[in-house]
Amino acid sequence: CMQPSTLSKYITELEKELNQLLIVRTSRRFEITEFGEYIYNQFKHIPSFIESTIDTYNKRISRSSQHGELNVALGPDISYEIVSPYIGAFMIENPNIRLNLSYIPYVSMLPSSNISLILTVMHINDDSLERRFVRKDYFRLYCSSDYVMQNGLPSSVHELAKHKIIGFVAHDFMPIEYHKLKNIYTNEEYVLDFRENQLNANNGLQMKQIGLHSDYIFPSCDSLVSEELIKGKIVGVLPDWIVRENEIYIVSKKRVTAIEQLFIDFIHKCFGRINSNVSGS
């Protein structure tokens, strides 16, 4: 606590510095001036701000002091644009953590006891593991802007048969003969016939790359094409119709270490960037 005489001295010095009265002193009490009240309201939050700043700093020091090794399996499609670009920043903030990343498509089970965390769209049926929902991501049809100039866009799902589309390869490495499209607003369904399809693939990232450099409509997830859509390199084809929807999960053991929780928080932060910026997801 500060002595009244010391406080009065500081107020007097501040009044001289500001060349304004802050307090009107009478024989019985002090009354704050209009200017004094204004100054108080402008600066009353400074102690809380200082406390918050110090707390943030202490948390950063605590985070950076974490030591250990972390083995993580990431789905290559879902992590390409959302997580991987920020891995470097994570390493800077946590210089004492050794991070080993394995990019594995279609992770449907714990691939190894050495893996601590999995980011996947596959359902992992294991009661010993914890599944944390992250977000939904939609697969839709897209094409390059050059494709539109040369071939135009289908105005309905029935016109898709007139266009070349990259189809799907299943987990058994065989092409899928039929694939169902769904209207996200009406729930109407339409079946694409891929029996005579010339080109099929099993990776949305590679499908996008093929489609950008060839004469095909291609399926890919929203998060993989957001940048190209903004730049006009890619165009949505019948955007009300989805090829499929993915539910993205972080999978871990029931009890996680402090380092594992640190990376879980990091992934949520990465996805938070697109949750606030990407519409229709």
C-alpha atoms as a PDB file:
ATOM      1  CA  CYS A   1       0.000   0.000   0.000  1.00  0.00           C
ATOM      2  CA  MET A   2       1.109   3.546  -0.690  1.00  0.00           C
ATOM      3  CA  GLN A   3       1.046   6.271   1.948  1.00  0.00           C
ATOM      4  CA  PRO A   4      -1.505   9.089   1.250  1.00  0.00           C
ATOM      5  CA  SER A   5       1.239  11.702   1.336  1.00  0.00           C
ATOM      6  CA  THR A   6       3.283   9.798  -1.259  1.00  0.00           C
ATOM      7  CA  LEU A   7       0.238   9.352  -3.504  1.00  0.00           C
ATOM      8  CA  SER A   8      -0.574  13.063  -3.230  1.00  0.00           C
ATOM      9  CA  LYS A   9       3.002  13.909  -4.206  1.00  0.00           C
ATOM     10  CA  TYR A  10       2.792  11.709  -7.326  1.00  0.00           C
ATOM     11  CA  ILE A  11      -0.550  13.247  -8.343  1.00  0.00           C
ATOM     12  CA  THR A  12       0.875  16.759  -7.932  1.00  0.00           C
ATOM     13  CA  GLU A  13       3.893  15.889 -10.089  1.00  0.00           C
ATOM     14  CA  LEU A  14       1.609  14.417 -12.759  1.00  0.00           C
ATOM     15  CA  GLU A  15      -0.583  17.545 -12.745  1.00  0.00           C
ATOM     16  CA  LYS A  16       2.520  19.664 -13.340  1.00  0.00           C
ATOM     17  CA  GLU A  17       3.585  17.418 -16.195  1.00  0.00           C
ATOM     18  CA  LEU A  18       0.103  17.524 -17.819  1.00  0.00           C
ATOM     19  CA  ASN A  19      -0.510  21.173 -16.912  1.00  0.00           C
ATOM     20  CA  GLN A  20      -4.024  20.170 -15.842  1.00  0.00           C
ATOM     21  CA  LEU A  21      -5.738  19.589 -12.507  1.00  0.00           C
ATOM     22  CA  LEU A  22      -6.621  15.989 -11.808  1.00  0.00           C
ATOM     23  CA  ILE A  23      -7.905  16.407  -8.260  1.00  0.00           C
ATOM     24  CA  VAL A  24      -9.666  19.333  -6.546  1.00  0.00           C
ATOM     25  CA  ARG A  25      -8.496  19.355  -2.958  1.00  0.00           C
ATOM     26  CA  THR A  26     -10.732  20.741  -0.208  1.00  0.00           C
ATOM     27  CA  SER A  27     -10.239  20.744   3.523  1.00  0.00           C
ATOM     28  CA  ARG A  28     -12.363  17.636   3.892  1.00  0.00           C
ATOM     29  CA  ARG A  29     -12.019  15.580   0.735  1.00  0.00           C
ATOM     30  CA  PHE A  30     -10.662  15.196  -2.781  1.00  0.00           C
ATOM     31  CA  GLU A  31     -12.878  15.522  -5.875  1.00  0.00           C
ATOM     32  CA  ILE A  32     -11.752  14.259  -9.263  1.00  0.00           C
ATOM     33  CA  THR A  33     -11.952  16.757 -12.112  1.00  0.00           C
ATOM     34  CA  GLU A  34     -13.534  16.030 -15.481  1.00  0.00           C
ATOM     35  CA  PHE A  35     -10.060  15.827 -16.990  1.00  0.00           C
ATOM     36  CA  GLY A  36      -8.912  13.588 -14.152  1.00  0.00           C
ATOM     37  CA  GLU A  37     -11.807  11.206 -14.752  1.00  0.00           C
ATOM     38  CA  TYR A  38     -10.998  11.146 -18.467  1.00  0.00           C
ATOM     39  CA  ILE A  39      -7.343  10.300 -17.789  1.00  0.00           C
ATOM     40  CA  TYR A  40      -8.364   7.603 -15.305  1.00  0.00           C
ATOM     41  CA  ASN A  41     -10.733   5.922 -17.794  1.00  0.00           C
ATOM     42  CA  GLN A  42      -8.067   5.970 -20.495  1.00  0.00           C
ATOM     43  CA  PHE A  43      -5.415   4.270 -18.386  1.00  0.00           C
ATOM     44  CA  LYS A  44      -7.282   2.199 -15.798  1.00  0.00           C
ATOM     45  CA  HIS A  45      -6.842  -0.973 -17.856  1.00  0.00           C
ATOM     46  CA  ILE A  46      -3.043  -0.731 -17.948  1.00  0.00           C
ATOM     47  CA  PRO A  47      -2.493  -2.916 -14.841  1.00  0.00           C
ATOM     48  CA  SER A  48      -4.641  -5.686 -16.361  1.00  0.00           C
ATOM     49  CA  PHE A  49      -2.838  -5.333 -19.679  1.00  0.00           C
ATOM     50  CA  ILE A  50       0.551  -5.598 -17.981  1.00  0.00           C
ATOM     51  CA  GLU A  51      -0.602  -8.643 -16.019  1.00  0.00           C
ATOM     52  CA  SER A  52      -1.941 -10.302 -19.174  1.00  0.00           C
ATOM     53  CA  THR A  53       1.272  -9.550 -21.078  1.00  0.00           C
ATOM     54  CA  ILE A  54       3.426 -11.050 -18.334  1.00  0.00           C
ATOM     55  CA  ASP A  55       1.144 -14.087 -18.140  1.00  0.00           C
ATOM     56  CA  THR A  56       1.439 -14.605 -21.914  1.00  0.00           C
ATOM     57  CA  TYR A  57       5.213 -14.315 -21.669  1.00  0.00           C
ATOM     58  CA  ASN A  58       5.364 -16.813 -18.820  1.00  0.00           C
ATOM     59  CA  LYS A  59       3.226 -19.264 -20.793  1.00  0.00           C
ATOM     60  CA  ARG A  60       5.543 -18.882 -23.791  1.00  0.00           C
ATOM     61  CA  ILE A  61       8.563 -19.543 -21.610  1.00  0.00           C
ATOM     62  CA  SER A  62       6.769 -22.579 -20.152  1.00  0.00           C
ATOM     63  CA  ARG A  63       5.946 -23.866 -23.643  1.00  0.00           C
ATOM     64  CA  SER A  64       9.457 -23.351 -24.965  1.00  0.00           C
ATOM     65  CA  SER A  65      10.872 -25.189 -21.976  1.00  0.00           C
ATOM     66  CA  GLN A  66       9.079 -28.408 -22.954  1.00  0.00           C
ATOM     67  CA  HIS A  67      11.570 -31.136 -23.839  1.00  0.00           C
ATOM     68  CA  GLY A  68      10.930 -34.373 -25.652  1.00  0.00           C
ATOM     69  CA  GLU A  69      10.214 -36.218 -28.886  1.00  0.00           C
ATOM     70  CA  LEU A  70       6.877 -36.440 -30.661  1.00  0.00           C
ATOM     71  CA  ASN A  71       5.870 -38.855 -33.444  1.00  0.00           C
ATOM     72  CA  VAL A  72       2.833 -37.733 -35.435  1.00  0.00           C
ATOM     73  CA  ALA A  73       0.966 -39.279 -38.387  1.00  0.00           C
ATOM     74  CA  LEU A  74      -0.734 -36.721 -40.636  1.00  0.00           C
ATOM     75  CA  GLY A  75      -3.105 -37.252 -43.533  1.00  0.00           C
ATOM     76  CA  PRO A  76      -1.197 -35.644 -46.448  1.00  0.00           C
ATOM     77  CA  ASP A  77      -4.259 -34.044 -48.073  1.00  0.00           C
ATOM     78  CA  ILE A  78      -5.766 -32.439 -44.991  1.00  0.00           C
ATOM     79  CA  SER A  79      -2.461 -31.226 -43.587  1.00  0.00           C
ATOM     80  CA  TYR A  80      -0.916 -29.856 -46.798  1.00  0.00           C
ATOM     81  CA  GLU A  81      -2.450 -26.363 -46.726  1.00  0.00           C
ATOM     82  CA  ILE A  82      -3.722 -26.250 -43.147  1.00  0.00           C
ATOM     83  CA  VAL A  83      -0.979 -27.638 -40.909  1.00  0.00           C
ATOM     84  CA  SER A  84       2.297 -28.033 -42.799  1.00  0.00           C
ATOM     85  CA  PRO A  85       2.802 -24.314 -43.598  1.00  0.00           C
ATOM     86  CA  TYR A  86       2.885 -23.541 -39.858  1.00  0.00           C
ATOM     87  CA  ILE A  87       5.140 -26.375 -38.691  1.00  0.00           C
ATOM     88  CA  GLY A  88       8.177 -24.101 -38.907  1.00  0.00           C
ATOM     89  CA  ALA A  89       6.575 -21.579 -36.560  1.00  0.00           C
ATOM     90  CA  PHE A  90       5.746 -24.385 -34.124  1.00  0.00           C
ATOM     91  CA  MET A  91       9.388 -25.456 -34.105  1.00  0.00           C
ATOM     92  CA  ILE A  92      10.570 -21.898 -33.421  1.00  0.00           C
ATOM     93  CA  GLU A  93       8.184 -21.600 -30.472  1.00  0.00           C
ATOM     94  CA  ASN A  94       9.253 -25.009 -29.156  1.00  0.00           C
ATOM     95  CA  PRO A  95      12.993 -25.319 -29.814  1.00  0.00           C
ATOM     96  CA  ASN A  96      13.433 -28.217 -27.393  1.00  0.00           C
ATOM     97  CA  ILE A  97      10.912 -30.539 -29.049  1.00  0.00           C
ATOM     98  CA  ARG A  98      11.976 -33.055 -31.677  1.00  0.00           C
ATOM     99  CA  LEU A  99       9.083 -33.573 -34.098  1.00  0.00           C
ATOM    100  CA  ASN A 100       8.887 -36.586 -36.422  1.00  0.00           C
ATOM    101  CA  LEU A 101       6.114 -36.353 -39.044  1.00  0.00           C
ATOM    102  CA  SER A 102       4.856 -39.292 -41.086  1.00  0.00           C
ATOM    103  CA  TYR A 103       2.421 -38.385 -43.869  1.00  0.00           C
ATOM    104  CA  ILE A 104       0.155 -41.407 -44.243  1.00  0.00           C
ATOM    105  CA  PRO A 105      -3.044 -41.452 -46.346  1.00  0.00           C
ATOM    106  CA  TYR A 106      -6.156 -43.202 -45.046  1.00  0.00           C
ATOM    107  CA  VAL A 107      -4.959 -43.961 -41.516  1.00  0.00           C
ATOM    108  CA  SER A 108      -7.644 -46.329 -40.187  1.00  0.00           C
ATOM    109  CA  MET A 109      -5.700 -47.747 -37.245  1.00  0.00           C
ATOM    110  CA  LEU A 110      -2.769 -46.834 -35.036  1.00  0.00           C
ATOM    111  CA  PRO A 111       0.088 -47.540 -37.484  1.00  0.00           C
ATOM    112  CA  SER A 112       2.655 -48.063 -34.739  1.00  0.00           C
ATOM    113  CA  SER A 113       2.940 -47.903 -30.974  1.00  0.00           C
ATOM    114  CA  ASN A 114       5.563 -45.220 -31.585  1.00  0.00           C
ATOM    115  CA  ILE A 115       2.939 -42.843 -33.027  1.00  0.00           C
ATOM    116  CA  SER A 116       1.527 -40.429 -30.453  1.00  0.00           C
ATOM    117  CA  LEU A 117      -1.036 -38.499 -32.520  1.00  0.00           C
ATOM    118  CA  ILE A 118      -2.917 -39.033 -35.780  1.00  0.00           C
ATOM    119  CA  LEU A 119      -4.702 -36.458 -37.931  1.00  0.00           C
ATOM    120  CA  THR A 120      -7.099 -38.400 -40.148  1.00  0.00           C
ATOM    121  CA  VAL A 121     -10.469 -38.490 -41.888  1.00  0.00           C
ATOM    122  CA  MET A 122     -10.804 -42.230 -41.320  1.00  0.00           C
ATOM    123  CA  HIS A 123     -12.839 -43.755 -38.503  1.00  0.00           C
ATOM    124  CA  ILE A 124     -10.498 -45.530 -36.114  1.00  0.00           C
ATOM    125  CA  ASN A 125     -12.456 -48.086 -34.130  1.00  0.00           C
ATOM    126  CA  ASP A 126     -10.321 -48.540 -31.032  1.00  0.00           C
ATOM    127  CA  ASP A 127     -11.729 -48.042 -27.528  1.00  0.00           C
ATOM    128  CA  SER A 128      -8.244 -47.412 -26.157  1.00  0.00           C
ATOM    129  CA  LEU A 129      -7.904 -44.268 -28.271  1.00  0.00           C
ATOM    130  CA  GLU A 130      -9.468 -40.815 -27.971  1.00  0.00           C
ATOM    131  CA  ARG A 131     -11.058 -39.176 -31.042  1.00  0.00           C
ATOM    132  CA  ARG A 132     -11.244 -35.368 -31.034  1.00  0.00           C
ATOM    133  CA  PHE A 133     -13.439 -33.827 -33.744  1.00  0.00           C
ATOM    134  CA  VAL A 134     -11.728 -30.954 -35.578  1.00  0.00           C
ATOM    135  CA  ARG A 135     -14.008 -29.963 -38.464  1.00  0.00           C
ATOM    136  CA  LYS A 136     -15.796 -31.075 -41.626  1.00  0.00           C
ATOM    137  CA  ASP A 137     -14.190 -30.696 -45.013  1.00  0.00           C
ATOM    138  CA  TYR A 138     -16.069 -31.174 -48.285  1.00  0.00           C
ATOM    139  CA  PHE A 139     -14.865 -32.787 -51.497  1.00  0.00           C
ATOM    140  CA  ARG A 140     -16.336 -30.986 -54.521  1.00  0.00           C
ATOM    141  CA  LEU A 141     -15.665 -30.849 -58.244  1.00  0.00           C
ATOM    142  CA  TYR A 142     -13.282 -28.234 -59.627  1.00  0.00           C
ATOM    143  CA  CYS A 143     -11.521 -27.370 -62.856  1.00  0.00           C
ATOM    144  CA  SER A 144      -8.876 -24.939 -64.045  1.00  0.00           C
ATOM    145  CA  SER A 145      -9.783 -21.557 -65.516  1.00  0.00           C
ATOM    146  CA  ASP A 146      -8.259 -22.786 -68.815  1.00  0.00           C
ATOM    147  CA  TYR A 147     -10.695 -25.712 -68.775  1.00  0.00           C
ATOM    148  CA  VAL A 148     -13.618 -23.268 -68.525  1.00  0.00           C
ATOM    149  CA  MET A 149     -12.303 -21.284 -71.511  1.00  0.00           C
ATOM    150  CA  GLN A 150     -12.003 -24.421 -73.630  1.00  0.00           C
ATOM    151  CA  ASN A 151     -14.964 -26.522 -72.506  1.00  0.00           C
ATOM    152  CA  GLY A 152     -17.365 -24.339 -70.532  1.00  0.00           C
ATOM    153  CA  LEU A 153     -18.988 -25.442 -67.295  1.00  0.00           C
ATOM    154  CA  PRO A 154     -21.807 -27.968 -66.871  1.00  0.00           C
ATOM    155  CA  SER A 155     -25.008 -26.276 -65.758  1.00  0.00           C
ATOM    156  CA  SER A 156     -26.423 -29.427 -64.134  1.00  0.00           C
ATOM    157  CA  VAL A 157     -25.217 -32.801 -62.871  1.00  0.00           C
ATOM    158  CA  HIS A 158     -26.755 -34.417 -65.960  1.00  0.00           C
ATOM    159  CA  GLU A 159     -24.244 -32.561 -68.153  1.00  0.00           C
ATOM    160  CA  LEU A 160     -21.256 -34.021 -66.289  1.00  0.00           C
ATOM    161  CA  ALA A 161     -21.347 -37.047 -68.584  1.00  0.00           C
ATOM    162  CA  LYS A 162     -20.173 -34.768 -71.418  1.00  0.00           C
ATOM    163  CA  HIS A 163     -17.008 -33.839 -69.506  1.00  0.00           C
ATOM    164  CA  LYS A 164     -13.839 -35.699 -68.571  1.00  0.00           C
ATOM    165  CA  ILE A 165     -13.648 -36.217 -64.803  1.00  0.00           C
ATOM    166  CA  ILE A 166     -10.903 -37.772 -62.711  1.00  0.00           C
ATOM    167  CA  GLY A 167     -12.475 -40.699 -60.868  1.00  0.00           C
ATOM    168  CA  PHE A 168     -11.524 -42.505 -57.674  1.00  0.00           C
ATOM    169  CA  VAL A 169      -9.277 -45.423 -56.812  1.00  0.00           C
ATOM    170  CA  ALA A 170     -10.435 -47.427 -53.776  1.00  0.00           C
ATOM    171  CA  HIS A 171      -8.333 -48.636 -50.843  1.00  0.00           C
ATOM    172  CA  ASP A 172      -7.834 -51.976 -52.636  1.00  0.00           C
ATOM    173  CA  PHE A 173      -6.172 -50.025 -55.504  1.00  0.00           C
ATOM    174  CA  MET A 174      -9.070 -50.729 -57.883  1.00  0.00           C
ATOM    175  CA  PRO A 175     -11.063 -47.977 -59.648  1.00  0.00           C
ATOM    176  CA  ILE A 176     -14.518 -47.154 -58.292  1.00  0.00           C
ATOM    177  CA  GLU A 177     -17.174 -47.771 -60.962  1.00  0.00           C
ATOM    178  CA  TYR A 178     -19.944 -45.606 -59.529  1.00  0.00           C
ATOM    179  CA  HIS A 179     -19.816 -42.601 -57.255  1.00  0.00           C
ATOM    180  CA  LYS A 180     -22.691 -40.723 -55.670  1.00  0.00           C
ATOM    181  CA  LEU A 181     -22.941 -36.920 -55.634  1.00  0.00           C
ATOM    182  CA  LYS A 182     -25.140 -35.176 -53.070  1.00  0.00           C
ATOM    183  CA  ASN A 183     -26.720 -31.726 -53.115  1.00  0.00           C
ATOM    184  CA  ILE A 184     -25.866 -30.153 -49.740  1.00  0.00           C
ATOM    185  CA  TYR A 185     -29.040 -28.053 -49.743  1.00  0.00           C
ATOM    186  CA  THR A 186     -31.706 -30.425 -51.077  1.00  0.00           C
ATOM    187  CA  ASN A 187     -30.086 -33.803 -50.222  1.00  0.00           C
ATOM    188  CA  GLU A 188     -30.832 -34.864 -53.808  1.00  0.00           C
ATOM    189  CA  GLU A 189     -28.447 -37.545 -55.061  1.00  0.00           C
ATOM    190  CA  TYR A 190     -26.946 -38.280 -58.458  1.00  0.00           C
ATOM    191  CA  VAL A 191     -24.781 -41.256 -59.444  1.00  0.00           C
ATOM    192  CA  LEU A 192     -21.734 -40.762 -61.658  1.00  0.00           C
ATOM    193  CA  ASP A 193     -20.870 -43.702 -63.902  1.00  0.00           C
ATOM    194  CA  PHE A 194     -17.082 -44.162 -63.949  1.00  0.00           C
ATOM    195  CA  ARG A 195     -17.027 -47.607 -65.591  1.00  0.00           C
ATOM    196  CA  GLU A 196     -15.447 -46.237 -68.786  1.00  0.00           C
ATOM    197  CA  ASN A 197     -13.389 -43.582 -67.012  1.00  0.00           C
ATOM    198  CA  GLN A 198      -9.933 -43.074 -68.478  1.00  0.00           C
ATOM    199  CA  LEU A 199      -8.223 -41.581 -65.398  1.00  0.00           C
ATOM    200  CA  ASN A 200      -8.694 -42.372 -61.706  1.00  0.00           C
ATOM    201  CA  ALA A 201      -6.660 -41.475 -58.608  1.00  0.00           C
ATOM    202  CA  ASN A 202      -6.806 -41.694 -54.817  1.00  0.00           C
ATOM    203  CA  ASN A 203      -5.287 -38.419 -53.609  1.00  0.00           C
ATOM    204  CA  GLY A 204      -7.006 -35.025 -53.650  1.00  0.00           C
ATOM    205  CA  LEU A 205      -3.744 -33.116 -53.683  1.00  0.00           C
ATOM    206  CA  GLN A 206      -2.451 -34.996 -56.715  1.00  0.00           C
ATOM    207  CA  MET A 207      -5.853 -34.748 -58.422  1.00  0.00           C
ATOM    208  CA  LYS A 208      -5.631 -30.975 -58.089  1.00  0.00           C
ATOM    209  CA  GLN A 209      -2.149 -30.941 -59.603  1.00  0.00           C
ATOM    210  CA  ILE A 210      -3.265 -33.103 -62.533  1.00  0.00           C
ATOM    211  CA  GLY A 211      -6.369 -30.992 -63.082  1.00  0.00           C
ATOM    212  CA  LEU A 212      -4.429 -27.718 -63.078  1.00  0.00           C
ATOM    213  CA  HIS A 213      -2.235 -28.960 -65.922  1.00  0.00           C
ATOM    214  CA  SER A 214      -4.641 -31.006 -68.024  1.00  0.00           C
ATOM    215  CA  ASP A 215      -8.102 -31.062 -69.552  1.00  0.00           C
ATOM    216  CA  TYR A 216     -10.025 -32.654 -66.654  1.00  0.00           C
ATOM    217  CA  ILE A 217     -12.586 -31.801 -64.022  1.00  0.00           C
ATOM    218  CA  PHE A 218     -11.199 -33.081 -60.736  1.00  0.00           C
ATOM    219  CA  PRO A 219     -12.469 -33.734 -57.201  1.00  0.00           C
ATOM    220  CA  SER A 220     -10.627 -32.138 -54.300  1.00  0.00           C
ATOM    221  CA  CYS A 221     -11.360 -30.897 -50.796  1.00  0.00           C
ATOM    222  CA  ASP A 222     -12.176 -27.246 -50.114  1.00  0.00           C
ATOM    223  CA  SER A 223      -9.143 -26.640 -47.930  1.00  0.00           C
ATOM    224  CA  LEU A 224      -6.765 -27.702 -50.714  1.00  0.00           C
ATOM    225  CA  VAL A 225      -8.011 -25.241 -53.333  1.00  0.00           C
ATOM    226  CA  SER A 226      -8.891 -22.110 -51.338  1.00  0.00           C
ATOM    227  CA  GLU A 227      -5.808 -20.153 -52.443  1.00  0.00           C
ATOM    228  CA  GLU A 228      -6.241 -21.039 -56.138  1.00  0.00           C
ATOM    229  CA  LEU A 229      -9.940 -20.141 -55.971  1.00  0.00           C
ATOM    230  CA  ILE A 230      -9.087 -16.675 -54.646  1.00  0.00           C
ATOM    231  CA  LYS A 231      -6.486 -16.197 -57.398  1.00  0.00           C
ATOM    232  CA  GLY A 232      -8.909 -17.412 -60.089  1.00  0.00           C
ATOM    233  CA  LYS A 233      -6.740 -20.370 -61.148  1.00  0.00           C
ATOM    234  CA  ILE A 234      -9.426 -22.859 -60.125  1.00  0.00           C
ATOM    235  CA  VAL A 235     -13.201 -22.672 -60.608  1.00  0.00           C
ATOM    236  CA  GLY A 236     -15.858 -24.575 -58.679  1.00  0.00           C
ATOM    237  CA  VAL A 237     -18.023 -26.945 -60.729  1.00  0.00           C
ATOM    238  CA  LEU A 238     -21.621 -27.231 -59.463  1.00  0.00           C
ATOM    239  CA  PRO A 239     -20.549 -26.164 -55.943  1.00  0.00           C
ATOM    240  CA  ASP A 240     -23.903 -27.163 -54.411  1.00  0.00           C
ATOM    241  CA  TRP A 241     -23.002 -30.791 -55.131  1.00  0.00           C
ATOM    242  CA  ILE A 242     -20.431 -32.570 -52.992  1.00  0.00           C
ATOM    243  CA  VAL A 243     -18.446 -35.677 -53.847  1.00  0.00           C
ATOM    244  CA  ARG A 244     -18.184 -36.563 -50.183  1.00  0.00           C
ATOM    245  CA  GLU A 245     -17.771 -34.967 -46.768  1.00  0.00           C
ATOM    246  CA  ASN A 246     -14.880 -35.712 -44.477  1.00  0.00           C
ATOM    247  CA  GLU A 247     -14.943 -35.468 -40.715  1.00  0.00           C
ATOM    248  CA  ILE A 248     -11.441 -34.683 -39.548  1.00  0.00           C
ATOM    249  CA  TYR A 249     -10.234 -36.046 -36.213  1.00  0.00           C
ATOM    250  CA  ILE A 250      -7.184 -35.908 -34.007  1.00  0.00           C
ATOM    251  CA  VAL A 251      -6.683 -39.388 -32.565  1.00  0.00           C
ATOM    252  CA  SER A 252      -4.518 -40.052 -29.529  1.00  0.00           C
ATOM    253  CA  LYS A 253      -4.249 -42.289 -26.516  1.00  0.00           C
ATOM    254  CA  LYS A 254      -6.695 -41.584 -23.694  1.00  0.00           C
ATOM    255  CA  ARG A 255      -4.092 -39.767 -21.622  1.00  0.00           C
ATOM    256  CA  VAL A 256      -1.780 -37.386 -23.434  1.00  0.00           C
ATOM    257  CA  THR A 257       1.489 -35.869 -22.323  1.00  0.00           C
ATOM    258  CA  ALA A 258       2.088 -32.114 -22.073  1.00  0.00           C
ATOM    259  CA  ILE A 259       3.976 -32.180 -25.381  1.00  0.00           C
ATOM    260  CA  GLU A 260       1.184 -34.099 -27.110  1.00  0.00           C
ATOM    261  CA  GLN A 261      -1.389 -31.612 -25.802  1.00  0.00           C
ATOM    262  CA  LEU A 262       0.821 -28.804 -27.094  1.00  0.00           C
ATOM    263  CA  PHE A 263       0.642 -30.232 -30.616  1.00  0.00           C
ATOM    264  CA  ILE A 264      -3.104 -30.916 -30.322  1.00  0.00           C
ATOM    265  CA  ASP A 265      -3.609 -27.242 -29.438  1.00  0.00           C
ATOM    266  CA  PHE A 266      -1.409 -26.297 -32.390  1.00  0.00           C
ATOM    267  CA  ILE A 267      -3.549 -28.326 -34.819  1.00  0.00           C
ATOM    268  CA  HIS A 268      -6.755 -26.760 -33.499  1.00  0.00           C
ATOM    269  CA  LYS A 269      -5.177 -23.333 -33.975  1.00  0.00           C
ATOM    270  CA  CYS A 270      -4.263 -24.207 -37.573  1.00  0.00           C
ATOM    271  CA  PHE A 271      -7.807 -25.306 -38.379  1.00  0.00           C
ATOM    272  CA  GLY A 272      -9.191 -22.270 -36.558  1.00  0.00           C
ATOM    273  CA  ARG A 273      -7.666 -20.101 -39.264  1.00  0.00           C
ATOM    274  CA  ILE A 274      -9.815 -21.660 -41.977  1.00  0.00           C
ATOM    275  CA  ASN A 275     -12.891 -22.103 -39.754  1.00  0.00           C
ATOM    276  CA  SER A 276     -13.044 -18.306 -39.508  1.00  0.00           C
ATOM    277  CA  ASN A 277     -12.142 -17.575 -43.134  1.00  0.00           C
ATOM    278  CA  VAL A 278     -13.609 -20.304 -45.361  1.00  0.00           C
ATOM    279  CA  SER A 279     -17.326 -20.131 -45.963  1.00  0.00           C
ATOM    280  CA  GLY A 280     -19.529 -23.060 -46.858  1.00  0.00           C
ATOM    281  CA  SER A 281     -17.414 -25.499 -44.851  1.00  0.00           C
END
